[in-house]
Amino acid sequence: MTLSRRAAVTAAAGTLLAGAAASGPAAAAPATGGPLQRDADAVRDTGATGVLAEAQTTHHRAAVRSGAAALASGTPVPWDAYYRIGSDTKTFTATITLQLVGENRIRLTDTGPSP
């Protein structure tokens, strides 16, 4: 996995964690295998103790976990884990934005939809 891909995966996982934390306990069905699990494992492999990632479409919600909630006990990350992300979301948003700029998918001068 390249460094830029790893950064994007880490940023995406952090964003997913923020969404899961904001919505309360995860109501998603645990997923096994697939790209979401592979990416959660990749984040764990960069040195994270544990990862809980959730993805949602209009018709499906899936959650995966990798690593441990505590290294000493090896207890898996709980499905309803509480993660205080705080100002970390700004870093994740900036990382993803600059990644998309680097891929020429957006420009820094682009505007978003009006509320």
PDB file of N, CA and C in Angstrom:
ATOM      1  N   MET A   1       0.854  -1.172   0.000  1.00  0.00           N
ATOM      2  CA  MET A   1       0.000   0.000   0.000  1.00  0.00           C
ATOM      3  C   MET A   1       0.894   1.228   0.000  1.00  0.00           C
ATOM      4  N   THR A   2       0.634   2.188  -0.897  1.00  0.00           N
ATOM      5  CA  THR A   2       1.450   3.384  -0.979  1.00  0.00           C
ATOM      6  C   THR A   2       1.126   4.322   0.169  1.00  0.00           C
ATOM      7  N   LEU A   3       2.041   5.254   0.421  1.00  0.00           N
ATOM      8  CA  LEU A   3       1.850   6.194   1.509  1.00  0.00           C
ATOM      9  C   LEU A   3       0.597   7.031   1.290  1.00  0.00           C
ATOM     10  N   SER A   4       0.357   7.515   0.063  1.00  0.00           N
ATOM     11  CA  SER A   4      -0.830   8.345  -0.173  1.00  0.00           C
ATOM     12  C   SER A   4      -2.099   7.520   0.001  1.00  0.00           C
ATOM     13  N   ARG A   5      -2.099   6.274  -0.419  1.00  0.00           N
ATOM     14  CA  ARG A   5      -3.275   5.400  -0.236  1.00  0.00           C
ATOM     15  C   ARG A   5      -3.489   5.146   1.250  1.00  0.00           C
ATOM     16  N   ARG A   6      -2.388   4.924   1.984  1.00  0.00           N
ATOM     17  CA  ARG A   6      -2.489   4.689   3.423  1.00  0.00           C
ATOM     18  C   ARG A   6      -3.060   5.920   4.121  1.00  0.00           C
ATOM     19  N   ALA A   7      -2.623   7.112   3.707  1.00  0.00           N
ATOM     20  CA  ALA A   7      -3.143   8.346   4.307  1.00  0.00           C
ATOM     21  C   ALA A   7      -4.630   8.490   4.024  1.00  0.00           C
ATOM     22  N   ALA A   8      -5.041   8.168   2.805  1.00  0.00           N
ATOM     23  CA  ALA A   8      -6.455   8.267   2.449  1.00  0.00           C
ATOM     24  C   ALA A   8      -7.275   7.263   3.240  1.00  0.00           C
ATOM     25  N   VAL A   9      -6.752   6.039   3.413  1.00  0.00           N
ATOM     26  CA  VAL A   9      -7.456   5.014   4.178  1.00  0.00           C
ATOM     27  C   VAL A   9      -7.569   5.450   5.630  1.00  0.00           C
ATOM     28  N   THR A  10      -6.486   5.984   6.188  1.00  0.00           N
ATOM     29  CA  THR A  10      -6.506   6.446   7.570  1.00  0.00           C
ATOM     30  C   THR A  10      -7.508   7.576   7.740  1.00  0.00           C
ATOM     31  N   ALA A  11      -7.511   8.528   6.799  1.00  0.00           N
ATOM     32  CA  ALA A  11      -8.449   9.642   6.872  1.00  0.00           C
ATOM     33  C   ALA A  11      -9.880   9.155   6.734  1.00  0.00           C
ATOM     34  N   ALA A  12     -10.101   8.234   5.821  1.00  0.00           N
ATOM     35  CA  ALA A  12     -11.457   7.704   5.631  1.00  0.00           C
ATOM     36  C   ALA A  12     -11.918   6.954   6.870  1.00  0.00           C
ATOM     37  N   ALA A  13     -11.041   6.175   7.467  1.00  0.00           N
ATOM     38  CA  ALA A  13     -11.414   5.443   8.677  1.00  0.00           C
ATOM     39  C   ALA A  13     -11.740   6.407   9.804  1.00  0.00           C
ATOM     40  N   GLY A  14     -10.952   7.459   9.929  1.00  0.00           N
ATOM     41  CA  GLY A  14     -11.237   8.458  10.957  1.00  0.00           C
ATOM     42  C   GLY A  14     -12.565   9.136  10.732  1.00  0.00           C
ATOM     43  N   THR A  15     -12.866   9.435   9.486  1.00  0.00           N
ATOM     44  CA  THR A  15     -14.143  10.044   9.163  1.00  0.00           C
ATOM     45  C   THR A  15     -15.279   9.076   9.477  1.00  0.00           C
ATOM     46  N   LEU A  16     -15.114   7.813   9.162  1.00  0.00           N
ATOM     47  CA  LEU A  16     -16.122   6.812   9.481  1.00  0.00           C
ATOM     48  C   LEU A  16     -16.308   6.699  10.985  1.00  0.00           C
ATOM     49  N   LEU A  17     -15.205   6.765  11.715  1.00  0.00           N
ATOM     50  CA  LEU A  17     -15.299   6.706  13.170  1.00  0.00           C
ATOM     51  C   LEU A  17     -16.069   7.898  13.696  1.00  0.00           C
ATOM     52  N   ALA A  18     -15.826   9.062  13.123  1.00  0.00           N
ATOM     53  CA  ALA A  18     -16.535  10.260  13.564  1.00  0.00           C
ATOM     54  C   ALA A  18     -18.020  10.101  13.332  1.00  0.00           C
ATOM     55  N   GLY A  19     -18.395   9.576  12.188  1.00  0.00           N
ATOM     56  CA  GLY A  19     -19.803   9.368  11.886  1.00  0.00           C
ATOM     57  C   GLY A  19     -20.432   8.359  12.821  1.00  0.00           C
ATOM     58  N   ALA A  20     -19.715   7.290  13.115  1.00  0.00           N
ATOM     59  CA  ALA A  20     -20.246   6.270  14.010  1.00  0.00           C
ATOM     60  C   ALA A  20     -20.396   6.820  15.426  1.00  0.00           C
ATOM     61  N   ALA A  21     -19.434   7.631  15.855  1.00  0.00           N
ATOM     62  CA  ALA A  21     -19.504   8.195  17.202  1.00  0.00           C
ATOM     63  C   ALA A  21     -20.649   9.183  17.312  1.00  0.00           C
ATOM     64  N   ALA A  22     -20.897   9.952  16.254  1.00  0.00           N
ATOM     65  CA  ALA A  22     -21.953  10.952  16.288  1.00  0.00           C
ATOM     66  C   ALA A  22     -23.334  10.310  16.284  1.00  0.00           C
ATOM     67  N   SER A  23     -23.462   9.134  15.686  1.00  0.00           N
ATOM     68  CA  SER A  23     -24.770   8.512  15.569  1.00  0.00           C
ATOM     69  C   SER A  23     -25.084   7.557  16.705  1.00  0.00           C
ATOM     70  N   GLY A  24     -24.208   7.431  17.681  1.00  0.00           N
ATOM     71  CA  GLY A  24     -24.460   6.563  18.815  1.00  0.00           C
ATOM     72  C   GLY A  24     -24.049   5.130  18.517  1.00  0.00           C
ATOM     73  N   PRO A  25     -24.606   4.177  19.248  1.00  0.00           N
ATOM     74  CA  PRO A  25     -24.230   2.784  19.061  1.00  0.00           C
ATOM     75  C   PRO A  25     -24.469   2.332  17.627  1.00  0.00           C
ATOM     76  N   ALA A  26     -23.544   1.543  17.130  1.00  0.00           N
ATOM     77  CA  ALA A  26     -23.640   1.082  15.752  1.00  0.00           C
ATOM     78  C   ALA A  26     -24.791   0.109  15.595  1.00  0.00           C
ATOM     79  N   ALA A  27     -25.644   0.381  14.603  1.00  0.00           N
ATOM     80  CA  ALA A  27     -26.747  -0.523  14.296  1.00  0.00           C
ATOM     81  C   ALA A  27     -26.418  -1.317  13.045  1.00  0.00           C
ATOM     82  N   ALA A  28     -25.187  -1.217  12.605  1.00  0.00           N
ATOM     83  CA  ALA A  28     -24.780  -1.873  11.369  1.00  0.00           C
ATOM     84  C   ALA A  28     -24.553  -3.356  11.599  1.00  0.00           C
ATOM     85  N   ALA A  29     -24.772  -4.103  10.530  1.00  0.00           N
ATOM     86  CA  ALA A  29     -24.483  -5.534  10.584  1.00  0.00           C
ATOM     87  C   ALA A  29     -22.984  -5.734  10.475  1.00  0.00           C
ATOM     88  N   PRO A  30     -22.381  -6.556  11.346  1.00  0.00           N
ATOM     89  CA  PRO A  30     -20.954  -6.824  11.211  1.00  0.00           C
ATOM     90  C   PRO A  30     -20.654  -7.437   9.844  1.00  0.00           C
ATOM     91  N   ALA A  31     -19.643  -6.930   9.191  1.00  0.00           N
ATOM     92  CA  ALA A  31     -19.242  -7.437   7.882  1.00  0.00           C
ATOM     93  C   ALA A  31     -17.961  -8.248   8.038  1.00  0.00           C
ATOM     94  N   THR A  32     -17.780  -9.213   7.194  1.00  0.00           N
ATOM     95  CA  THR A  32     -16.545  -9.986   7.214  1.00  0.00           C
ATOM     96  C   THR A  32     -15.913  -9.904   5.840  1.00  0.00           C
ATOM     97  N   GLY A  33     -14.596  -9.797   5.819  1.00  0.00           N
ATOM     98  CA  GLY A  33     -13.884  -9.720   4.550  1.00  0.00           C
ATOM     99  C   GLY A  33     -14.212  -8.452   3.792  1.00  0.00           C
ATOM    100  N   GLY A  34     -13.871  -8.438   2.536  1.00  0.00           N
ATOM    101  CA  GLY A  34     -14.185  -7.310   1.669  1.00  0.00           C
ATOM    102  C   GLY A  34     -13.243  -6.140   1.849  1.00  0.00           C
ATOM    103  N   PRO A  35     -13.456  -5.095   1.032  1.00  0.00           N
ATOM    104  CA  PRO A  35     -12.551  -3.941   1.043  1.00  0.00           C
ATOM    105  C   PRO A  35     -12.583  -3.150   2.343  1.00  0.00           C
ATOM    106  N   LEU A  36     -13.737  -3.053   2.992  1.00  0.00           N
ATOM    107  CA  LEU A  36     -13.790  -2.299   4.246  1.00  0.00           C
ATOM    108  C   LEU A  36     -12.941  -2.977   5.318  1.00  0.00           C
ATOM    109  N   GLN A  37     -13.026  -4.302   5.410  1.00  0.00           N
ATOM    110  CA  GLN A  37     -12.203  -5.034   6.376  1.00  0.00           C
ATOM    111  C   GLN A  37     -10.726  -4.911   6.023  1.00  0.00           C
ATOM    112  N   ARG A  38     -10.404  -5.026   4.731  1.00  0.00           N
ATOM    113  CA  ARG A  38      -9.010  -4.899   4.294  1.00  0.00           C
ATOM    114  C   ARG A  38      -8.452  -3.535   4.691  1.00  0.00           C
ATOM    115  N   ASP A  39      -9.250  -2.476   4.491  1.00  0.00           N
ATOM    116  CA  ASP A  39      -8.777  -1.137   4.823  1.00  0.00           C
ATOM    117  C   ASP A  39      -8.663  -0.930   6.334  1.00  0.00           C
ATOM    118  N   ALA A  40      -9.588  -1.502   7.106  1.00  0.00           N
ATOM    119  CA  ALA A  40      -9.480  -1.413   8.574  1.00  0.00           C
ATOM    120  C   ALA A  40      -8.220  -2.129   9.048  1.00  0.00           C
ATOM    121  N   ASP A  41      -7.933  -3.288   8.450  1.00  0.00           N
ATOM    122  CA  ASP A  41      -6.704  -4.017   8.797  1.00  0.00           C
ATOM    123  C   ASP A  41      -5.464  -3.204   8.420  1.00  0.00           C
ATOM    124  N   ALA A  42      -5.536  -2.485   7.289  1.00  0.00           N
ATOM    125  CA  ALA A  42      -4.402  -1.658   6.848  1.00  0.00           C
ATOM    126  C   ALA A  42      -4.149  -0.523   7.835  1.00  0.00           C
ATOM    127  N   VAL A  43      -5.216   0.087   8.358  1.00  0.00           N
ATOM    128  CA  VAL A  43      -5.051   1.140   9.365  1.00  0.00           C
ATOM    129  C   VAL A  43      -4.426   0.549  10.622  1.00  0.00           C
ATOM    130  N   ARG A  44      -4.914  -0.617  11.057  1.00  0.00           N
ATOM    131  CA  ARG A  44      -4.331  -1.297  12.227  1.00  0.00           C
ATOM    132  C   ARG A  44      -2.849  -1.568  12.004  1.00  0.00           C
ATOM    133  N   ASP A  45      -2.502  -1.988  10.788  1.00  0.00           N
ATOM    134  CA  ASP A  45      -1.108  -2.326  10.481  1.00  0.00           C
ATOM    135  C   ASP A  45      -0.180  -1.113  10.513  1.00  0.00           C
ATOM    136  N   THR A  46      -0.728   0.101  10.448  1.00  0.00           N
ATOM    137  CA  THR A  46       0.104   1.302  10.538  1.00  0.00           C
ATOM    138  C   THR A  46       0.458   1.639  11.984  1.00  0.00           C
ATOM    139  N   GLY A  47      -0.152   0.909  12.940  1.00  0.00           N
ATOM    140  CA  GLY A  47       0.182   1.133  14.340  1.00  0.00           C
ATOM    141  C   GLY A  47      -0.995   1.450  15.228  1.00  0.00           C
ATOM    142  N   ALA A  48      -2.190   1.520  14.674  1.00  0.00           N
ATOM    143  CA  ALA A  48      -3.367   1.772  15.506  1.00  0.00           C
ATOM    144  C   ALA A  48      -3.640   0.544  16.371  1.00  0.00           C
ATOM    145  N   THR A  49      -4.027   0.767  17.609  1.00  0.00           N
ATOM    146  CA  THR A  49      -4.331  -0.341  18.510  1.00  0.00           C
ATOM    147  C   THR A  49      -5.580  -1.069  18.048  1.00  0.00           C
ATOM    148  N   GLY A  50      -6.625  -0.322  17.745  1.00  0.00           N
ATOM    149  CA  GLY A  50      -7.876  -0.910  17.300  1.00  0.00           C
ATOM    150  C   GLY A  50      -8.597   0.021  16.355  1.00  0.00           C
ATOM    151  N   VAL A  51      -9.398  -0.550  15.466  1.00  0.00           N
ATOM    152  CA  VAL A  51     -10.115   0.219  14.455  1.00  0.00           C
ATOM    153  C   VAL A  51     -11.557  -0.278  14.403  1.00  0.00           C
ATOM    154  N   LEU A  52     -12.493   0.649  14.382  1.00  0.00           N
ATOM    155  CA  LEU A  52     -13.893   0.350  14.120  1.00  0.00           C
ATOM    156  C   LEU A  52     -14.295   1.253  12.964  1.00  0.00           C
ATOM    157  N   ALA A  53     -14.699   0.652  11.839  1.00  0.00           N
ATOM    158  CA  ALA A  53     -15.074   1.424  10.654  1.00  0.00           C
ATOM    159  C   ALA A  53     -16.480   1.037  10.232  1.00  0.00           C
ATOM    160  N   GLU A  54     -17.230   2.019   9.773  1.00  0.00           N
ATOM    161  CA  GLU A  54     -18.603   1.786   9.326  1.00  0.00           C
ATOM    162  C   GLU A  54     -18.805   2.478   7.992  1.00  0.00           C
ATOM    163  N   ALA A  55     -19.484   1.800   7.090  1.00  0.00           N
ATOM    164  CA  ALA A  55     -19.820   2.372   5.787  1.00  0.00           C
ATOM    165  C   ALA A  55     -21.319   2.247   5.590  1.00  0.00           C
ATOM    166  N   GLN A  56     -21.911   3.259   4.963  1.00  0.00           N
ATOM    167  CA  GLN A  56     -23.358   3.252   4.790  1.00  0.00           C
ATOM    168  C   GLN A  56     -23.720   3.739   3.394  1.00  0.00           C
ATOM    169  N   THR A  57     -24.654   3.037   2.758  1.00  0.00           N
ATOM    170  CA  THR A  57     -25.258   3.487   1.507  1.00  0.00           C
ATOM    171  C   THR A  57     -26.737   3.692   1.794  1.00  0.00           C
ATOM    172  N   THR A  58     -27.499   4.012   0.777  1.00  0.00           N
ATOM    173  CA  THR A  58     -28.932   4.216   1.012  1.00  0.00           C
ATOM    174  C   THR A  58     -29.641   2.927   1.402  1.00  0.00           C
ATOM    175  N   HIS A  59     -29.078   1.770   1.057  1.00  0.00           N
ATOM    176  CA  HIS A  59     -29.746   0.504   1.322  1.00  0.00           C
ATOM    177  C   HIS A  59     -28.978  -0.452   2.227  1.00  0.00           C
ATOM    178  N   HIS A  60     -27.767  -0.127   2.595  1.00  0.00           N
ATOM    179  CA  HIS A  60     -26.949  -1.081   3.337  1.00  0.00           C
ATOM    180  C   HIS A  60     -26.010  -0.354   4.291  1.00  0.00           C
ATOM    181  N   ARG A  61     -25.789  -0.967   5.428  1.00  0.00           N
ATOM    182  CA  ARG A  61     -24.837  -0.463   6.413  1.00  0.00           C
ATOM    183  C   ARG A  61     -23.961  -1.625   6.845  1.00  0.00           C
ATOM    184  N   ALA A  62     -22.672  -1.421   6.886  1.00  0.00           N
ATOM    185  CA  ALA A  62     -21.747  -2.477   7.302  1.00  0.00           C
ATOM    186  C   ALA A  62     -20.720  -1.894   8.259  1.00  0.00           C
ATOM    187  N   ALA A  63     -20.294  -2.707   9.212  1.00  0.00           N
ATOM    188  CA  ALA A  63     -19.263  -2.294  10.159  1.00  0.00           C
ATOM    189  C   ALA A  63     -18.221  -3.400  10.255  1.00  0.00           C
ATOM    190  N   VAL A  64     -16.972  -2.996  10.438  1.00  0.00           N
ATOM    191  CA  VAL A  64     -15.877  -3.939  10.628  1.00  0.00           C
ATOM    192  C   VAL A  64     -15.016  -3.443  11.779  1.00  0.00           C
ATOM    193  N   ARG A  65     -14.269  -4.349  12.351  1.00  0.00           N
ATOM    194  CA  ARG A  65     -13.319  -3.955  13.391  1.00  0.00           C
ATOM    195  C   ARG A  65     -12.046  -4.755  13.210  1.00  0.00           C
ATOM    196  N   SER A  66     -10.972  -4.182  13.711  1.00  0.00           N
ATOM    197  CA  SER A  66      -9.670  -4.819  13.587  1.00  0.00           C
ATOM    198  C   SER A  66      -8.839  -4.402  14.789  1.00  0.00           C
ATOM    199  N   GLY A  67      -8.018  -5.291  15.270  1.00  0.00           N
ATOM    200  CA  GLY A  67      -7.174  -4.962  16.415  1.00  0.00           C
ATOM    201  C   GLY A  67      -7.895  -5.174  17.724  1.00  0.00           C
ATOM    202  N   ALA A  68      -7.449  -4.487  18.753  1.00  0.00           N
ATOM    203  CA  ALA A  68      -7.971  -4.686  20.101  1.00  0.00           C
ATOM    204  C   ALA A  68      -8.323  -3.365  20.755  1.00  0.00           C
ATOM    205  N   ALA A  69      -9.283  -3.425  21.685  1.00  0.00           N
ATOM    206  CA  ALA A  69      -9.638  -2.244  22.465  1.00  0.00           C
ATOM    207  C   ALA A  69      -8.524  -1.929  23.467  1.00  0.00           C
ATOM    208  N   ALA A  70      -7.869  -2.976  23.964  1.00  0.00           N
ATOM    209  CA  ALA A  70      -6.754  -2.829  24.904  1.00  0.00           C
ATOM    210  C   ALA A  70      -5.726  -3.908  24.590  1.00  0.00           C
ATOM    211  N   LEU A  71      -4.495  -3.500  24.410  1.00  0.00           N
ATOM    212  CA  LEU A  71      -3.448  -4.457  24.058  1.00  0.00           C
ATOM    213  C   LEU A  71      -3.230  -5.519  25.131  1.00  0.00           C
ATOM    214  N   ALA A  72      -3.296  -5.110  26.392  1.00  0.00           N
ATOM    215  CA  ALA A  72      -3.013  -6.042  27.481  1.00  0.00           C
ATOM    216  C   ALA A  72      -3.995  -7.213  27.504  1.00  0.00           C
ATOM    217  N   SER A  73      -5.271  -6.933  27.325  1.00  0.00           N
ATOM    218  CA  SER A  73      -6.278  -7.987  27.406  1.00  0.00           C
ATOM    219  C   SER A  73      -6.575  -8.627  26.062  1.00  0.00           C
ATOM    220  N   GLY A  74      -6.308  -7.897  24.972  1.00  0.00           N
ATOM    221  CA  GLY A  74      -6.633  -8.405  23.642  1.00  0.00           C
ATOM    222  C   GLY A  74      -8.120  -8.385  23.343  1.00  0.00           C
ATOM    223  N   THR A  75      -8.900  -7.724  24.197  1.00  0.00           N
ATOM    224  CA  THR A  75     -10.343  -7.628  23.992  1.00  0.00           C
ATOM    225  C   THR A  75     -10.631  -6.921  22.671  1.00  0.00           C
ATOM    226  N   PRO A  76     -11.498  -7.493  21.832  1.00  0.00           N
ATOM    227  CA  PRO A  76     -11.805  -6.850  20.551  1.00  0.00           C
ATOM    228  C   PRO A  76     -12.445  -5.476  20.753  1.00  0.00           C
ATOM    229  N   VAL A  77     -12.309  -4.628  19.768  1.00  0.00           N
ATOM    230  CA  VAL A  77     -12.957  -3.320  19.783  1.00  0.00           C
ATOM    231  C   VAL A  77     -14.469  -3.562  19.831  1.00  0.00           C
ATOM    232  N   PRO A  78     -15.189  -2.965  20.791  1.00  0.00           N
ATOM    233  CA  PRO A  78     -16.638  -3.194  20.862  1.00  0.00           C
ATOM    234  C   PRO A  78     -17.363  -2.567  19.674  1.00  0.00           C
ATOM    235  N   TRP A  79     -18.463  -3.180  19.253  1.00  0.00           N
ATOM    236  CA  TRP A  79     -19.236  -2.660  18.115  1.00  0.00           C
ATOM    237  C   TRP A  79     -19.821  -1.298  18.429  1.00  0.00           C
ATOM    238  N   ASP A  80     -20.088  -1.009  19.689  1.00  0.00           N
ATOM    239  CA  ASP A  80     -20.647   0.294  20.052  1.00  0.00           C
ATOM    240  C   ASP A  80     -19.597   1.179  20.725  1.00  0.00           C
ATOM    241  N   ALA A  81     -18.346   1.052  20.286  1.00  0.00           N
ATOM    242  CA  ALA A  81     -17.231   1.791  20.883  1.00  0.00           C
ATOM    243  C   ALA A  81     -17.477   3.295  20.829  1.00  0.00           C
ATOM    244  N   TYR A  82     -17.065   3.963  21.881  1.00  0.00           N
ATOM    245  CA  TYR A  82     -17.154   5.422  21.960  1.00  0.00           C
ATOM    246  C   TYR A  82     -15.785   5.979  21.639  1.00  0.00           C
ATOM    247  N   TYR A  83     -15.728   6.865  20.676  1.00  0.00           N
ATOM    248  CA  TYR A  83     -14.457   7.458  20.256  1.00  0.00           C
ATOM    249  C   TYR A  83     -14.605   8.964  20.236  1.00  0.00           C
ATOM    250  N   ARG A  84     -13.852   9.638  21.086  1.00  0.00           N
ATOM    251  CA  ARG A  84     -13.883  11.106  21.114  1.00  0.00           C
ATOM    252  C   ARG A  84     -12.926  11.625  20.070  1.00  0.00           C
ATOM    253  N   ILE A  85     -13.469  12.016  18.941  1.00  0.00           N
ATOM    254  CA  ILE A  85     -12.610  12.443  17.851  1.00  0.00           C
ATOM    255  C   ILE A  85     -12.292  13.935  17.941  1.00  0.00           C
ATOM    256  N   GLY A  86     -13.187  14.729  18.517  1.00  0.00           N
ATOM    257  CA  GLY A  86     -12.934  16.148  18.722  1.00  0.00           C
ATOM    258  C   GLY A  86     -12.437  16.859  17.479  1.00  0.00           C
ATOM    259  N   SER A  87     -11.370  17.591  17.602  1.00  0.00           N
ATOM    260  CA  SER A  87     -10.835  18.376  16.497  1.00  0.00           C
ATOM    261  C   SER A  87     -10.080  17.542  15.470  1.00  0.00           C
ATOM    262  N   ASP A  88      -9.953  16.247  15.701  1.00  0.00           N
ATOM    263  CA  ASP A  88      -9.283  15.392  14.716  1.00  0.00           C
ATOM    264  C   ASP A  88      -9.997  15.410  13.372  1.00  0.00           C
ATOM    265  N   THR A  89     -11.306  15.672  13.382  1.00  0.00           N
ATOM    266  CA  THR A  89     -12.047  15.668  12.115  1.00  0.00           C
ATOM    267  C   THR A  89     -11.512  16.722  11.162  1.00  0.00           C
ATOM    268  N   LYS A  90     -11.004  17.818  11.686  1.00  0.00           N
ATOM    269  CA  LYS A  90     -10.436  18.854  10.816  1.00  0.00           C
ATOM    270  C   LYS A  90      -9.220  18.323  10.061  1.00  0.00           C
ATOM    271  N   THR A  91      -8.387  17.567  10.739  1.00  0.00           N
ATOM    272  CA  THR A  91      -7.209  16.979  10.107  1.00  0.00           C
ATOM    273  C   THR A  91      -7.619  15.976   9.039  1.00  0.00           C
ATOM    274  N   PHE A  92      -8.579  15.125   9.352  1.00  0.00           N
ATOM    275  CA  PHE A  92      -9.040  14.131   8.386  1.00  0.00           C
ATOM    276  C   PHE A  92      -9.662  14.802   7.165  1.00  0.00           C
ATOM    277  N   THR A  93     -10.477  15.829   7.396  1.00  0.00           N
ATOM    278  CA  THR A  93     -11.108  16.540   6.285  1.00  0.00           C
ATOM    279  C   THR A  93     -10.057  17.203   5.408  1.00  0.00           C
ATOM    280  N   ALA A  94      -9.080  17.831   6.014  1.00  0.00           N
ATOM    281  CA  ALA A  94      -8.016  18.477   5.240  1.00  0.00           C
ATOM    282  C   ALA A  94      -7.217  17.451   4.443  1.00  0.00           C
ATOM    283  N   THR A  95      -6.926  16.309   5.053  1.00  0.00           N
ATOM    284  CA  THR A  95      -6.168  15.263   4.364  1.00  0.00           C
ATOM    285  C   THR A  95      -6.916  14.764   3.136  1.00  0.00           C
ATOM    286  N   ILE A  96      -8.193  14.465   3.306  1.00  0.00           N
ATOM    287  CA  ILE A  96      -8.984  13.968   2.179  1.00  0.00           C
ATOM    288  C   ILE A  96      -9.121  15.040   1.106  1.00  0.00           C
ATOM    289  N   THR A  97      -9.345  16.282   1.520  1.00  0.00           N
ATOM    290  CA  THR A  97      -9.477  17.372   0.551  1.00  0.00           C
ATOM    291  C   THR A  97      -8.208  17.518  -0.275  1.00  0.00           C
ATOM    292  N   LEU A  98      -7.057  17.528   0.376  1.00  0.00           N
ATOM    293  CA  LEU A  98      -5.796  17.681  -0.358  1.00  0.00           C
ATOM    294  C   LEU A  98      -5.494  16.462  -1.217  1.00  0.00           C
ATOM    295  N   GLN A  99      -5.912  15.277  -0.769  1.00  0.00           N
ATOM    296  CA  GLN A  99      -5.759  14.067  -1.582  1.00  0.00           C
ATOM    297  C   GLN A  99      -6.575  14.207  -2.867  1.00  0.00           C
ATOM    298  N   LEU A 100      -7.810  14.682  -2.759  1.00  0.00           N
ATOM    299  CA  LEU A 100      -8.666  14.864  -3.937  1.00  0.00           C
ATOM    300  C   LEU A 100      -8.128  15.955  -4.860  1.00  0.00           C
ATOM    301  N   VAL A 101      -7.550  17.000  -4.289  1.00  0.00           N
ATOM    302  CA  VAL A 101      -6.914  18.045  -5.108  1.00  0.00           C
ATOM    303  C   VAL A 101      -5.738  17.449  -5.871  1.00  0.00           C
ATOM    304  N   GLY A 102      -4.934  16.649  -5.191  1.00  0.00           N
ATOM    305  CA  GLY A 102      -3.783  16.008  -5.829  1.00  0.00           C
ATOM    306  C   GLY A 102      -4.183  15.074  -6.955  1.00  0.00           C
ATOM    307  N   GLU A 103      -5.372  14.487  -6.862  1.00  0.00           N
ATOM    308  CA  GLU A 103      -5.881  13.593  -7.907  1.00  0.00           C
ATOM    309  C   GLU A 103      -6.668  14.354  -8.978  1.00  0.00           C
ATOM    310  N   ASN A 104      -6.680  15.681  -8.889  1.00  0.00           N
ATOM    311  CA  ASN A 104      -7.411  16.550  -9.825  1.00  0.00           C
ATOM    312  C   ASN A 104      -8.906  16.230  -9.874  1.00  0.00           C
ATOM    313  N   ARG A 105      -9.465  15.781  -8.765  1.00  0.00           N
ATOM    314  CA  ARG A 105     -10.898  15.495  -8.706  1.00  0.00           C
ATOM    315  C   ARG A 105     -11.684  16.699  -8.220  1.00  0.00           C
ATOM    316  N   ILE A 106     -11.023  17.594  -7.469  1.00  0.00           N
ATOM    317  CA  ILE A 106     -11.620  18.861  -7.053  1.00  0.00           C
ATOM    318  C   ILE A 106     -10.543  19.931  -7.097  1.00  0.00           C
ATOM    319  N   ARG A 107     -10.977  21.184  -6.999  1.00  0.00           N
ATOM    320  CA  ARG A 107     -10.050  22.310  -6.898  1.00  0.00           C
ATOM    321  C   ARG A 107     -10.305  23.001  -5.558  1.00  0.00           C
ATOM    322  N   LEU A 108      -9.303  23.644  -5.013  1.00  0.00           N
ATOM    323  CA  LEU A 108      -9.488  24.349  -3.745  1.00  0.00           C
ATOM    324  C   LEU A 108     -10.485  25.503  -3.871  1.00  0.00           C
ATOM    325  N   THR A 109     -10.705  25.966  -5.076  1.00  0.00           N
ATOM    326  CA  THR A 109     -11.654  27.067  -5.291  1.00  0.00           C
ATOM    327  C   THR A 109     -13.082  26.575  -5.509  1.00  0.00           C
ATOM    328  N   ASP A 110     -13.299  25.260  -5.567  1.00  0.00           N
ATOM    329  CA  ASP A 110     -14.654  24.727  -5.730  1.00  0.00           C
ATOM    330  C   ASP A 110     -15.506  25.067  -4.508  1.00  0.00           C
ATOM    331  N   THR A 111     -16.814  25.218  -4.735  1.00  0.00           N
ATOM    332  CA  THR A 111     -17.736  25.473  -3.628  1.00  0.00           C
ATOM    333  C   THR A 111     -18.666  24.267  -3.476  1.00  0.00           C
ATOM    334  N   GLY A 112     -19.248  24.147  -2.314  1.00  0.00           N
ATOM    335  CA  GLY A 112     -20.166  23.049  -2.030  1.00  0.00           C
ATOM    336  C   GLY A 112     -21.602  23.483  -2.240  1.00  0.00           C
ATOM    337  N   PRO A 113     -22.531  22.564  -2.090  1.00  0.00           N
ATOM    338  CA  PRO A 113     -23.944  22.895  -2.257  1.00  0.00           C
ATOM    339  C   PRO A 113     -24.413  23.811  -1.121  1.00  0.00           C
ATOM    340  N   SER A 114     -25.372  24.629  -1.421  1.00  0.00           N
ATOM    341  CA  SER A 114     -25.962  25.506  -0.397  1.00  0.00           C
ATOM    342  C   SER A 114     -26.959  24.726   0.435  1.00  0.00           C
ATOM    343  N   PRO A 115     -27.046  25.039   1.730  1.00  0.00           N
ATOM    344  CA  PRO A 115     -28.003  24.308   2.579  1.00  0.00           C
ATOM    345  C   PRO A 115     -29.438  24.599   2.218  1.00  0.00           C
TER     346      PRO A 115
END
